[in-house]
Amino acid sequence: MSAAYIIRRLLLMIPTFLGVTLMVFAITRFVPGGPVERALQEAQSMADGEGGEASSGGNELRAGALSKDQIQMLNEYYGFDKPVLVSYALWLKKLVVLDLGDSTRWYEPVWQTIARVLPVSTFYGLVSMLLAYLICIPLGIIKAIKHRTTLDSLSSILIFIGYAIPGFIVAVLLMSCFSFYLEWFPSGGFISDEFEDLGVFAKVIDLFYHATLPLIAYTIGSFAVMTMLMKNSLMDNLAADYVRTAMAKGFPFRTAVFRHALRNSLIPLATHFGSNISFFIGGSFLIEQIFDIDGFGLLGFESIVERDYPVVMGILAISCVLQLLGNLLSDICVASVDPRVQFE
């Protein structure tokens, strides 16, 4: 893979990023229920709750209500007093210097809000993806070698049952069985309350003790796709002429599998690897909600519900960059695994 190709791909990321973020930014300006509308509703609720009455002159609004000048100030504060393109240009200008603005819900910089949940989601994303590859690749190889045996059939049944059940349903079943009924694992949380008082080894044990059930829920859905992809790819390569030629020359079957067929069989998984980067921090808000995990997915969902648009745009910017870099990484992985692929 040439350096010119990588530079060209990096440059093409710029218009793609601008198109995605501009579209979502425009949607946030026209969707009802934004921060200004929510402020008006809260002010009206306060006025109704306090039972405010108009003054004798009738020139003042009820207690807690907002005047037109106050509404204009809110629009200026949230940037809704300018056209969409102007507001987007101002947001983009701040983004260039890594300023994502302030959260309208937490009243703190968006970077602080994201940084609070990023380590949690990164841990679950990295570990779950690592477990998926460490389990699915060997299992796919075994299924390809033991094709149409009892082991292949039973494992396929279990794999597709796990694939058919959504991850959040698995999370509920795991929590009901192993947390509430058997009480083997905690029902939620990322760490224990006394985590800071533990030693290094005890901290690692405590971390994975809390993470066991969520990790199973995270990874179970990807088992079927990756395992069957590995199996089918390896079976196609085992039936190829170059593998037959190697075995005809006297190479043992194991050598033909691991030295010749396996590397080419990893190409489909290599193309899938880059797209998994966005899952590092994306997570699943349903699984995070069930296990009470303060992660990236739950933050994104709550930000959309609460109309916290600076956080929404911050999450979108990070996710978009990771997805674009992941696509480039997929090409690099393919070129590394298959020398015949040349990106120019």
Protein backbone atom coordinates (compact mmCIF):
# COMPACT_ATOMS: atom_id res chain seq x y z
CA MET A 1 0.00 0.00 0.00
CA SER A 2 1.52 3.29 -1.10
CA ALA A 3 1.76 6.41 1.02
CA ALA A 4 -0.04 8.35 -1.72
CA TYR A 5 -3.09 6.11 -1.36
CA ILE A 6 -3.20 6.63 2.41
CA ILE A 7 -2.88 10.40 2.01
CA ARG A 8 -5.63 10.41 -0.62
CA ARG A 9 -7.92 8.42 1.65
CA LEU A 10 -7.23 10.77 4.55
CA LEU A 11 -8.10 13.75 2.37
CA LEU A 12 -11.33 12.10 1.24
CA MET A 13 -12.32 11.73 4.89
CA ILE A 14 -12.69 15.51 5.17
CA PRO A 15 -15.71 15.97 2.84
CA THR A 16 -17.30 12.80 4.23
CA PHE A 17 -16.93 14.08 7.78
CA LEU A 18 -18.30 17.50 6.80
CA GLY A 19 -21.31 15.97 5.07
CA VAL A 20 -22.24 13.70 7.97
CA THR A 21 -21.82 16.31 10.69
CA LEU A 22 -23.57 19.06 8.70
CA MET A 23 -26.60 16.85 8.11
CA VAL A 24 -26.95 15.94 11.78
CA PHE A 25 -26.23 19.52 12.87
CA ALA A 26 -29.05 20.77 10.64
CA ILE A 27 -31.42 18.16 12.04
CA THR A 28 -30.71 19.32 15.59
CA ARG A 29 -31.76 22.84 14.60
CA PHE A 30 -35.17 21.80 13.26
CA VAL A 31 -36.18 18.98 15.61
CA PRO A 32 -38.68 20.28 18.20
CA GLY A 33 -37.97 20.05 21.91
CA GLY A 34 -34.56 21.69 21.92
CA PRO A 35 -32.92 23.36 24.93
CA VAL A 36 -34.78 26.64 24.40
CA GLU A 37 -38.17 24.89 24.26
CA ARG A 38 -37.26 22.86 27.34
CA ALA A 39 -36.31 26.05 29.20
CA LEU A 40 -39.68 27.55 28.27
CA GLN A 41 -41.50 24.44 29.49
CA GLU A 42 -39.60 24.47 32.77
CA ALA A 43 -40.32 28.16 33.26
CA GLN A 44 -44.00 27.65 32.52
CA SER A 45 -44.14 24.68 34.91
CA MET A 46 -42.56 26.79 37.64
CA ALA A 47 -45.06 29.54 36.99
CA ASP A 48 -47.99 27.14 37.15
CA GLY A 49 -46.62 25.46 40.27
CA GLU A 50 -46.07 28.70 42.12
CA GLY A 51 -49.46 29.99 41.07
CA GLY A 52 -47.98 33.29 39.94
CA GLU A 53 -50.41 36.03 39.13
CA ALA A 54 -50.03 38.94 36.76
CA SER A 55 -49.22 42.26 38.33
CA SER A 56 -51.78 45.06 38.58
CA GLY A 57 -50.49 46.80 35.45
CA GLY A 58 -50.58 43.54 33.49
CA ASN A 59 -47.19 44.30 31.94
CA GLU A 60 -45.24 41.54 33.74
CA LEU A 61 -45.50 37.84 33.07
CA ARG A 62 -46.31 35.33 35.76
CA ALA A 63 -43.52 34.29 38.12
CA GLY A 64 -41.04 32.01 36.43
CA ALA A 65 -42.15 32.85 32.87
CA LEU A 66 -39.66 34.15 30.33
CA SER A 67 -39.90 37.44 28.49
CA LYS A 68 -39.07 37.90 24.82
CA ASP A 69 -35.71 39.40 25.72
CA GLN A 70 -34.91 36.38 27.88
CA ILE A 71 -35.91 34.04 25.06
CA GLN A 72 -33.65 35.98 22.70
CA MET A 73 -30.80 35.65 25.19
CA LEU A 74 -31.36 31.89 25.34
CA ASN A 75 -31.31 31.66 21.53
CA GLU A 76 -28.04 33.61 21.47
CA TYR A 77 -26.55 31.45 24.23
CA TYR A 78 -27.36 28.19 22.43
CA GLY A 79 -26.50 29.60 18.99
CA PHE A 80 -30.03 29.36 17.58
CA ASP A 81 -30.14 33.04 16.61
CA LYS A 82 -27.92 32.46 13.56
CA PRO A 83 -28.49 30.58 10.28
CA VAL A 84 -27.65 26.90 10.24
CA LEU A 85 -24.55 27.24 8.07
CA VAL A 86 -23.19 30.07 10.20
CA SER A 87 -23.75 28.11 13.41
CA TYR A 88 -22.19 25.03 11.86
CA ALA A 89 -19.16 27.03 10.75
CA LEU A 90 -18.73 28.34 14.31
CA TRP A 91 -19.01 24.79 15.70
CA LEU A 92 -16.49 23.56 13.14
CA LYS A 93 -14.12 26.38 14.02
CA LYS A 94 -14.19 25.31 17.66
CA LEU A 95 -13.78 21.67 16.68
CA VAL A 96 -10.53 22.46 14.87
CA VAL A 97 -9.04 23.51 18.21
CA LEU A 98 -10.67 20.48 19.91
CA ASP A 99 -13.37 22.55 21.61
CA LEU A 100 -16.70 20.70 21.60
CA GLY A 101 -18.54 23.34 23.60
CA ASP A 102 -20.42 22.96 26.86
CA SER A 103 -23.10 20.44 27.73
CA THR A 104 -26.57 21.94 28.13
CA ARG A 105 -27.47 19.18 30.57
CA TRP A 106 -24.37 18.86 32.77
CA TYR A 107 -23.17 22.46 32.35
CA GLU A 108 -19.58 21.37 31.83
CA PRO A 109 -17.27 21.03 28.80
CA VAL A 110 -18.33 18.24 26.49
CA TRP A 111 -14.83 16.78 26.64
CA GLN A 112 -15.22 16.31 30.40
CA THR A 113 -18.59 14.62 29.92
CA ILE A 114 -17.20 12.26 27.29
CA ALA A 115 -13.94 11.64 29.17
CA ARG A 116 -15.95 10.45 32.18
CA VAL A 117 -17.49 7.53 30.25
CA LEU A 118 -14.86 6.90 27.57
CA PRO A 119 -12.58 4.58 29.64
CA VAL A 120 -15.53 2.36 30.55
CA SER A 121 -16.75 1.90 26.98
CA THR A 122 -13.20 1.53 25.65
CA PHE A 123 -12.53 -1.27 28.14
CA TYR A 124 -15.69 -3.18 27.18
CA GLY A 125 -15.15 -2.56 23.48
CA LEU A 126 -11.53 -3.71 23.41
CA VAL A 127 -12.01 -6.74 25.64
CA SER A 128 -15.19 -7.91 23.92
CA MET A 129 -13.62 -7.62 20.46
CA LEU A 130 -10.47 -9.40 21.64
CA LEU A 131 -12.54 -12.23 23.11
CA ALA A 132 -14.58 -12.49 19.93
CA TYR A 133 -11.49 -12.94 17.75
CA LEU A 134 -9.75 -15.29 20.20
CA ILE A 135 -12.81 -17.55 20.33
CA CYS A 136 -14.32 -17.26 16.86
CA ILE A 137 -11.18 -17.83 14.81
CA PRO A 138 -10.18 -21.13 16.51
CA LEU A 139 -13.80 -22.23 16.60
CA GLY A 140 -14.24 -21.48 12.90
CA ILE A 141 -11.09 -23.45 12.09
CA ILE A 142 -12.29 -26.45 14.11
CA LYS A 143 -15.74 -26.30 12.47
CA ALA A 144 -14.17 -26.20 9.00
CA ILE A 145 -11.91 -29.17 9.73
CA LYS A 146 -14.72 -31.10 11.48
CA HIS A 147 -17.37 -30.17 8.91
CA ARG A 148 -20.61 -32.17 9.15
CA THR A 149 -19.56 -33.88 12.34
CA THR A 150 -21.51 -33.88 15.59
CA LEU A 151 -19.25 -31.17 16.99
CA ASP A 152 -19.95 -28.94 13.98
CA SER A 153 -23.70 -29.45 14.19
CA LEU A 154 -24.00 -28.88 17.94
CA SER A 155 -21.80 -25.78 17.88
CA SER A 156 -23.82 -24.36 14.97
CA ILE A 157 -27.05 -24.79 16.92
CA LEU A 158 -25.63 -23.01 19.96
CA ILE A 159 -24.09 -20.26 17.85
CA PHE A 160 -27.26 -19.44 15.96
CA ILE A 161 -29.37 -19.55 19.12
CA GLY A 162 -27.06 -16.95 20.59
CA TYR A 163 -27.23 -14.92 17.38
CA ALA A 164 -31.03 -15.03 17.29
CA ILE A 165 -31.39 -13.65 20.82
CA PRO A 166 -30.69 -9.90 21.09
CA GLY A 167 -27.85 -8.87 23.36
CA PHE A 168 -30.07 -7.00 25.80
CA ILE A 169 -32.29 -10.09 26.21
CA VAL A 170 -29.17 -12.11 26.96
CA ALA A 171 -28.21 -9.44 29.49
CA VAL A 172 -31.56 -9.76 31.26
CA LEU A 173 -31.33 -13.57 31.32
CA LEU A 174 -27.77 -13.48 32.64
CA MET A 175 -28.65 -11.01 35.35
CA SER A 176 -31.77 -12.93 36.39
CA CYS A 177 -29.93 -16.25 36.57
CA PHE A 178 -26.44 -15.44 37.82
CA SER A 179 -27.04 -12.22 39.77
CA PHE A 180 -30.47 -12.52 41.36
CA TYR A 181 -31.03 -16.28 41.54
CA LEU A 182 -27.54 -17.76 42.02
CA GLU A 183 -25.92 -14.52 43.27
CA TRP A 184 -22.61 -15.42 41.64
CA PHE A 185 -22.03 -12.00 40.07
CA PRO A 186 -23.02 -8.43 40.97
CA SER A 187 -26.19 -7.05 39.41
CA GLY A 188 -24.52 -3.99 37.95
CA GLY A 189 -21.89 -1.32 38.15
CA PHE A 190 -18.40 -1.10 36.74
CA ILE A 191 -16.43 -1.53 39.98
CA SER A 192 -17.11 -2.04 43.68
CA ASP A 193 -17.51 0.82 46.13
CA GLU A 194 -14.26 -0.13 47.90
CA PHE A 195 -12.30 -0.40 44.62
CA GLU A 196 -9.82 2.36 45.53
CA ASP A 197 -8.83 0.57 48.74
CA LEU A 198 -7.92 -2.68 46.95
CA GLY A 199 -4.51 -3.80 45.76
CA VAL A 200 -3.54 -3.99 42.09
CA PHE A 201 -4.35 -7.67 41.65
CA ALA A 202 -7.57 -7.33 43.66
CA LYS A 203 -8.59 -4.39 41.44
CA VAL A 204 -8.16 -6.50 38.32
CA ILE A 205 -10.21 -9.31 39.85
CA ASP A 206 -12.91 -6.88 40.93
CA LEU A 207 -13.02 -5.27 37.49
CA PHE A 208 -13.51 -8.53 35.61
CA TYR A 209 -15.87 -9.80 38.31
CA HIS A 210 -18.22 -6.94 37.45
CA ALA A 211 -17.49 -7.17 33.71
CA THR A 212 -18.11 -10.90 33.16
CA LEU A 213 -21.84 -10.77 32.47
CA PRO A 214 -21.76 -7.55 30.38
CA LEU A 215 -18.91 -8.94 28.26
CA ILE A 216 -20.91 -12.09 27.52
CA ALA A 217 -23.89 -9.97 26.47
CA TYR A 218 -21.65 -7.76 24.32
CA THR A 219 -19.88 -10.56 22.44
CA ILE A 220 -22.51 -13.26 22.03
CA GLY A 221 -24.13 -11.55 19.05
CA SER A 222 -20.92 -11.45 16.99
CA PHE A 223 -20.09 -15.14 17.47
CA ALA A 224 -22.26 -16.43 14.64
CA VAL A 225 -21.11 -13.94 12.01
CA MET A 226 -17.39 -14.19 12.72
CA THR A 227 -17.33 -17.94 13.36
CA MET A 228 -19.27 -18.86 10.22
CA LEU A 229 -17.27 -16.33 8.20
CA MET A 230 -14.06 -18.00 9.33
CA LYS A 231 -15.41 -21.48 8.70
CA ASN A 232 -16.78 -20.82 5.21
CA SER A 233 -13.69 -18.90 4.13
CA LEU A 234 -11.37 -21.68 5.30
CA MET A 235 -13.48 -24.36 3.61
CA ASP A 236 -13.37 -22.45 0.31
CA ASN A 237 -9.58 -22.20 0.51
CA LEU A 238 -9.18 -25.86 1.47
CA ALA A 239 -11.02 -26.74 -1.73
CA ALA A 240 -8.80 -24.47 -3.83
CA ASP A 241 -6.27 -25.86 -6.29
CA TYR A 242 -3.21 -24.47 -4.52
CA VAL A 243 -4.08 -26.39 -1.33
CA ARG A 244 -4.68 -29.57 -3.30
CA THR A 245 -1.33 -29.07 -5.02
CA ALA A 246 0.42 -28.62 -1.69
CA MET A 247 -1.08 -31.83 -0.35
CA ALA A 248 -0.25 -33.65 -3.58
CA LYS A 249 3.38 -32.63 -3.07
CA GLY A 250 3.38 -34.43 0.26
CA PHE A 251 2.58 -31.63 2.71
CA PRO A 252 0.62 -32.88 5.75
CA PHE A 253 -2.98 -31.72 6.07
CA ARG A 254 -2.14 -29.59 9.13
CA THR A 255 0.60 -27.81 7.19
CA ALA A 256 -1.73 -27.21 4.25
CA VAL A 257 -4.28 -25.69 6.59
CA PHE A 258 -2.12 -23.46 8.75
CA ARG A 259 0.64 -22.52 6.29
CA HIS A 260 -1.35 -22.09 3.07
CA ALA A 261 -5.12 -21.86 3.56
CA LEU A 262 -5.37 -20.03 6.88
CA ARG A 263 -3.74 -16.77 5.81
CA ASN A 264 -6.07 -16.33 2.84
CA SER A 265 -9.01 -17.30 5.02
CA LEU A 266 -8.31 -14.39 7.35
CA ILE A 267 -8.92 -11.82 4.60
CA PRO A 268 -12.70 -11.52 5.22
CA LEU A 269 -12.04 -11.07 8.94
CA ALA A 270 -9.41 -8.45 8.14
CA THR A 271 -11.96 -6.41 6.21
CA HIS A 272 -14.29 -6.69 9.20
CA PHE A 273 -11.64 -5.62 11.70
CA GLY A 274 -11.56 -1.92 10.90
CA SER A 275 -15.30 -1.46 11.17
CA ASN A 276 -15.13 -2.74 14.75
CA ILE A 277 -13.17 0.31 15.90
CA SER A 278 -16.33 2.39 16.28
CA PHE A 279 -17.67 -0.34 18.57
CA PHE A 280 -14.76 0.34 20.93
CA ILE A 281 -16.68 3.24 22.36
CA GLY A 282 -20.12 2.80 20.84
CA GLY A 283 -21.33 0.09 23.16
CA SER A 284 -25.01 -0.66 23.62
CA PHE A 285 -27.17 1.70 25.63
CA LEU A 286 -29.62 -1.12 26.44
CA ILE A 287 -26.91 -3.37 27.89
CA GLU A 288 -25.39 -0.41 29.72
CA GLN A 289 -28.80 0.49 31.11
CA ILE A 290 -29.44 -3.07 32.29
CA PHE A 291 -26.09 -3.43 34.02
CA ASP A 292 -25.99 0.18 35.26
CA ILE A 293 -22.85 0.95 33.27
CA ASP A 294 -22.15 4.62 32.70
CA GLY A 295 -20.83 4.17 29.17
CA PHE A 296 -20.66 5.91 25.83
CA GLY A 297 -23.78 4.34 24.36
CA LEU A 298 -25.95 5.31 27.31
CA LEU A 299 -24.54 8.84 27.26
CA GLY A 300 -25.40 9.20 23.58
CA PHE A 301 -28.94 7.94 24.09
CA GLU A 302 -29.60 10.18 27.08
CA SER A 303 -28.12 13.17 25.24
CA ILE A 304 -30.54 12.67 22.36
CA VAL A 305 -33.50 12.30 24.72
CA GLU A 306 -32.46 15.37 26.73
CA ARG A 307 -31.65 17.34 23.55
CA ASP A 308 -28.10 17.93 24.75
CA TYR A 309 -26.94 18.83 21.26
CA PRO A 310 -23.30 19.73 22.07
CA VAL A 311 -22.78 16.24 23.51
CA VAL A 312 -24.65 14.68 20.57
CA MET A 313 -22.39 16.47 18.09
CA GLY A 314 -19.30 15.59 20.12
CA ILE A 315 -20.20 11.90 20.13
CA LEU A 316 -21.01 12.06 16.42
CA ALA A 317 -17.67 13.70 15.60
CA ILE A 318 -15.69 11.06 17.52
CA SER A 319 -17.72 8.16 16.11
CA CYS A 320 -17.45 9.48 12.55
CA VAL A 321 -13.67 9.87 12.76
CA LEU A 322 -13.30 6.38 14.22
CA GLN A 323 -15.49 4.86 11.51
CA LEU A 324 -13.55 6.57 8.73
CA LEU A 325 -10.22 5.55 10.23
CA GLY A 326 -11.59 2.04 10.68
CA ASN A 327 -12.38 1.77 6.96
CA LEU A 328 -8.83 2.80 6.15
CA LEU A 329 -7.47 0.33 8.68
CA SER A 330 -9.52 -2.42 7.02
CA ASP A 331 -7.77 -1.75 3.73
CA ILE A 332 -4.39 -1.80 5.45
CA CYS A 333 -5.23 -5.11 7.12
CA VAL A 334 -6.30 -6.64 3.82
CA ALA A 335 -3.10 -5.50 2.13
CA SER A 336 -1.08 -6.93 5.00
CA VAL A 337 -2.81 -10.32 4.93
CA ASP A 338 -3.02 -10.66 1.14
CA PRO A 339 0.12 -9.54 -0.74
CA ARG A 340 -1.83 -9.70 -4.02
CA VAL A 341 -3.91 -6.70 -2.97
CA GLN A 342 -2.29 -3.45 -3.95
CA PHE A 343 -3.99 -0.12 -3.20
CA GLU A 344 -2.53 2.54 -5.42
